[in-house]
N, C-alpha and C. Protein backbone atom coordinates (compact mmCIF):
# COMPACT_ATOMS: atom_id res chain seq x y z
N MET A 1 3.61 -13.80 -5.43
CA MET A 1 4.85 -13.47 -4.76
C MET A 1 4.53 -12.60 -3.55
N LYS A 2 5.28 -12.82 -2.47
CA LYS A 2 5.16 -12.01 -1.26
C LYS A 2 6.52 -11.38 -0.96
N GLU A 3 6.49 -10.29 -0.23
CA GLU A 3 7.72 -9.67 0.26
C GLU A 3 7.66 -9.61 1.77
N ILE A 4 8.78 -9.95 2.41
CA ILE A 4 8.89 -9.83 3.85
C ILE A 4 10.16 -9.07 4.20
N THR A 5 10.24 -8.63 5.43
CA THR A 5 11.46 -8.02 5.95
C THR A 5 12.01 -8.94 7.03
N VAL A 6 13.29 -9.23 6.95
CA VAL A 6 13.94 -10.05 7.96
C VAL A 6 14.85 -9.15 8.78
N ALA A 7 14.58 -9.09 10.08
CA ALA A 7 15.43 -8.35 11.02
C ALA A 7 16.45 -9.34 11.56
N ILE A 8 17.71 -9.02 11.39
CA ILE A 8 18.79 -9.94 11.77
C ILE A 8 19.40 -9.48 13.08
N ALA A 9 19.21 -10.29 14.11
CA ALA A 9 19.78 -9.99 15.43
C ALA A 9 21.16 -10.61 15.54
N GLY A 10 21.99 -10.00 16.37
CA GLY A 10 23.31 -10.58 16.64
C GLY A 10 24.34 -10.31 15.57
N THR A 11 24.18 -9.22 14.84
CA THR A 11 25.17 -8.88 13.81
C THR A 11 26.02 -7.71 14.31
N GLY A 12 26.90 -8.01 15.23
CA GLY A 12 27.82 -6.99 15.72
C GLY A 12 27.18 -5.92 16.59
N GLY A 13 26.14 -6.27 17.33
CA GLY A 13 25.53 -5.33 18.24
C GLY A 13 24.51 -4.39 17.62
N ARG A 14 24.30 -4.51 16.30
CA ARG A 14 23.29 -3.68 15.66
C ARG A 14 22.28 -4.60 14.97
N GLN A 15 21.11 -4.06 14.70
CA GLN A 15 20.10 -4.85 14.02
C GLN A 15 20.06 -4.44 12.56
N GLU A 16 20.09 -5.41 11.70
CA GLU A 16 20.10 -5.19 10.26
C GLU A 16 18.78 -5.68 9.68
N TYR A 17 18.25 -4.97 8.71
CA TYR A 17 16.98 -5.34 8.07
C TYR A 17 17.23 -5.64 6.60
N ARG A 18 16.68 -6.77 6.14
CA ARG A 18 16.83 -7.17 4.73
C ARG A 18 15.47 -7.51 4.16
N ASP A 19 15.15 -7.00 2.99
CA ASP A 19 13.90 -7.33 2.31
C ASP A 19 14.12 -8.58 1.47
N VAL A 20 13.13 -9.48 1.50
CA VAL A 20 13.23 -10.75 0.80
C VAL A 20 11.93 -10.98 0.03
N ARG A 21 12.05 -11.41 -1.22
CA ARG A 21 10.89 -11.79 -2.01
C ARG A 21 10.70 -13.30 -1.90
N LEU A 22 9.46 -13.70 -1.67
CA LEU A 22 9.15 -15.11 -1.52
C LEU A 22 8.31 -15.60 -2.69
N MET A 23 8.66 -16.74 -3.21
CA MET A 23 7.87 -17.43 -4.21
C MET A 23 7.16 -18.58 -3.50
N PRO A 24 6.05 -19.07 -4.05
CA PRO A 24 5.40 -20.23 -3.43
C PRO A 24 6.40 -21.36 -3.23
N GLY A 25 6.34 -21.98 -2.04
CA GLY A 25 7.24 -23.08 -1.73
C GLY A 25 8.55 -22.66 -1.09
N THR A 26 8.77 -21.36 -0.87
CA THR A 26 10.01 -20.90 -0.25
C THR A 26 10.09 -21.40 1.19
N ARG A 27 11.18 -22.03 1.53
CA ARG A 27 11.38 -22.61 2.86
C ARG A 27 12.36 -21.75 3.66
N ALA A 28 12.37 -21.96 4.96
CA ALA A 28 13.26 -21.19 5.84
C ALA A 28 14.71 -21.32 5.38
N ARG A 29 15.13 -22.52 5.03
CA ARG A 29 16.53 -22.74 4.61
C ARG A 29 16.87 -21.93 3.36
N ASP A 30 15.88 -21.72 2.46
CA ASP A 30 16.11 -20.94 1.25
C ASP A 30 16.41 -19.48 1.60
N ILE A 31 15.63 -18.94 2.54
CA ILE A 31 15.82 -17.54 2.96
C ILE A 31 17.16 -17.37 3.65
N LEU A 32 17.47 -18.28 4.57
CA LEU A 32 18.74 -18.19 5.30
C LEU A 32 19.93 -18.30 4.36
N ALA A 33 19.84 -19.18 3.36
CA ALA A 33 20.93 -19.31 2.38
C ALA A 33 21.05 -18.06 1.53
N GLN A 34 19.92 -17.51 1.10
CA GLN A 34 19.92 -16.30 0.29
C GLN A 34 20.57 -15.14 1.03
N LEU A 35 20.34 -15.06 2.34
CA LEU A 35 20.89 -13.97 3.14
C LEU A 35 22.27 -14.32 3.72
N ASN A 36 22.77 -15.51 3.39
CA ASN A 36 24.07 -15.98 3.88
C ASN A 36 24.12 -15.98 5.41
N LEU A 37 23.07 -16.54 6.02
CA LEU A 37 22.97 -16.57 7.48
C LEU A 37 23.17 -17.98 8.02
N THR A 38 24.38 -18.46 7.90
CA THR A 38 24.73 -19.76 8.45
C THR A 38 24.69 -19.68 9.97
N GLY A 39 24.05 -20.66 10.62
CA GLY A 39 23.99 -20.67 12.07
C GLY A 39 22.84 -19.84 12.64
N PHE A 40 21.93 -19.40 11.78
CA PHE A 40 20.77 -18.62 12.21
C PHE A 40 19.51 -19.44 11.99
N GLN A 41 18.42 -19.01 12.61
CA GLN A 41 17.11 -19.59 12.37
C GLN A 41 16.09 -18.46 12.31
N LEU A 42 15.00 -18.70 11.59
CA LEU A 42 13.93 -17.71 11.51
C LEU A 42 12.95 -17.93 12.65
N MET A 43 12.57 -16.85 13.28
CA MET A 43 11.68 -16.92 14.44
C MET A 43 10.25 -16.66 14.02
N LYS A 44 9.31 -17.42 14.63
CA LYS A 44 7.88 -17.21 14.38
C LYS A 44 7.42 -15.97 15.13
N PRO A 45 6.52 -15.20 14.53
CA PRO A 45 6.02 -13.98 15.19
C PRO A 45 5.37 -14.27 16.54
N GLU A 46 4.73 -15.42 16.67
CA GLU A 46 4.05 -15.76 17.92
C GLU A 46 4.97 -16.44 18.93
N GLY A 47 6.23 -16.61 18.58
CA GLY A 47 7.20 -17.24 19.46
C GLY A 47 7.65 -18.58 18.91
N GLY A 48 8.84 -18.99 19.28
CA GLY A 48 9.40 -20.23 18.76
C GLY A 48 10.10 -19.97 17.43
N ALA A 49 10.60 -21.03 16.85
CA ALA A 49 11.36 -20.91 15.61
C ALA A 49 10.75 -21.78 14.52
N PHE A 50 10.92 -21.33 13.29
CA PHE A 50 10.55 -22.14 12.14
C PHE A 50 11.59 -23.24 11.97
N GLY A 51 11.16 -24.40 11.52
CA GLY A 51 12.09 -25.46 11.14
C GLY A 51 12.71 -25.10 9.79
N PHE A 52 13.86 -25.67 9.50
CA PHE A 52 14.56 -25.33 8.26
C PHE A 52 13.76 -25.70 7.02
N ASN A 53 12.87 -26.71 7.13
CA ASN A 53 12.08 -27.14 5.99
C ASN A 53 10.67 -26.58 6.00
N ASP A 54 10.33 -25.69 6.93
CA ASP A 54 9.00 -25.10 7.00
C ASP A 54 8.76 -24.19 5.79
N ASP A 55 7.55 -24.26 5.24
CA ASP A 55 7.15 -23.44 4.11
C ASP A 55 6.80 -22.04 4.62
N ILE A 56 7.71 -21.11 4.42
CA ILE A 56 7.53 -19.74 4.92
C ILE A 56 6.49 -18.99 4.10
N TYR A 57 6.43 -19.27 2.82
CA TYR A 57 5.46 -18.59 1.97
C TYR A 57 4.04 -18.78 2.50
N GLU A 58 3.70 -19.98 2.90
CA GLU A 58 2.36 -20.27 3.41
C GLU A 58 2.15 -19.75 4.82
N ALA A 59 3.23 -19.57 5.57
CA ALA A 59 3.13 -19.24 7.00
C ALA A 59 3.06 -17.74 7.29
N VAL A 60 3.42 -16.91 6.30
CA VAL A 60 3.48 -15.47 6.57
C VAL A 60 2.58 -14.68 5.64
N ALA A 61 2.28 -13.46 6.05
CA ALA A 61 1.51 -12.53 5.22
C ALA A 61 2.47 -11.65 4.44
N ASP A 62 1.98 -11.11 3.34
CA ASP A 62 2.77 -10.16 2.56
C ASP A 62 3.13 -8.96 3.44
N LYS A 63 4.36 -8.51 3.33
CA LYS A 63 4.90 -7.35 4.08
C LYS A 63 5.14 -7.63 5.56
N GLN A 64 5.09 -8.88 5.97
CA GLN A 64 5.32 -9.23 7.37
C GLN A 64 6.80 -9.14 7.70
N LYS A 65 7.10 -8.90 8.98
CA LYS A 65 8.49 -8.86 9.44
C LYS A 65 8.77 -10.11 10.26
N LEU A 66 9.89 -10.77 9.96
CA LEU A 66 10.37 -11.91 10.72
C LEU A 66 11.73 -11.56 11.30
N PHE A 67 12.11 -12.29 12.31
CA PHE A 67 13.43 -12.11 12.92
C PHE A 67 14.29 -13.33 12.65
N ALA A 68 15.57 -13.08 12.40
CA ALA A 68 16.55 -14.14 12.28
C ALA A 68 17.48 -14.00 13.48
N ALA A 69 17.63 -15.09 14.22
CA ALA A 69 18.48 -15.07 15.41
C ALA A 69 19.46 -16.23 15.32
N LYS A 70 20.58 -16.06 15.99
CA LYS A 70 21.57 -17.14 16.01
C LYS A 70 20.94 -18.36 16.67
N ALA A 71 21.15 -19.51 16.04
CA ALA A 71 20.59 -20.77 16.53
C ALA A 71 21.40 -21.20 17.75
N ASP A 72 20.69 -21.52 18.81
CA ASP A 72 21.33 -22.04 20.03
C ASP A 72 21.23 -23.55 20.01
N VAL A 73 22.26 -24.17 19.47
CA VAL A 73 22.28 -25.62 19.35
C VAL A 73 23.35 -26.16 20.27
N GLU A 74 22.95 -27.08 21.13
CA GLU A 74 23.92 -27.71 22.02
C GLU A 74 23.93 -29.20 21.75
N ALA A 75 25.06 -29.72 21.37
CA ALA A 75 25.17 -31.16 21.10
C ALA A 75 25.05 -31.93 22.41
N GLY A 76 24.26 -32.99 22.34
CA GLY A 76 24.12 -33.86 23.51
C GLY A 76 23.22 -33.32 24.59
N ALA A 77 22.53 -32.23 24.34
CA ALA A 77 21.65 -31.65 25.36
C ALA A 77 20.31 -32.32 25.37
């Protein structure tokens, strides 16, 4: 098991931090659902975003911090 901290941007002008425990096979969508973050995506530390089906457990180190930001999705773009 790993633990990470998710910093949530765009929550009313303040930044909120949530600790999350990861089990092997935990995906981005699992974390977002657990934190009730509809319309958000998890950002990679090196830049870019994780896909909703990306295995976060394998991609991060224990005690790592990730950011959750509102997803900028434009239909037809």
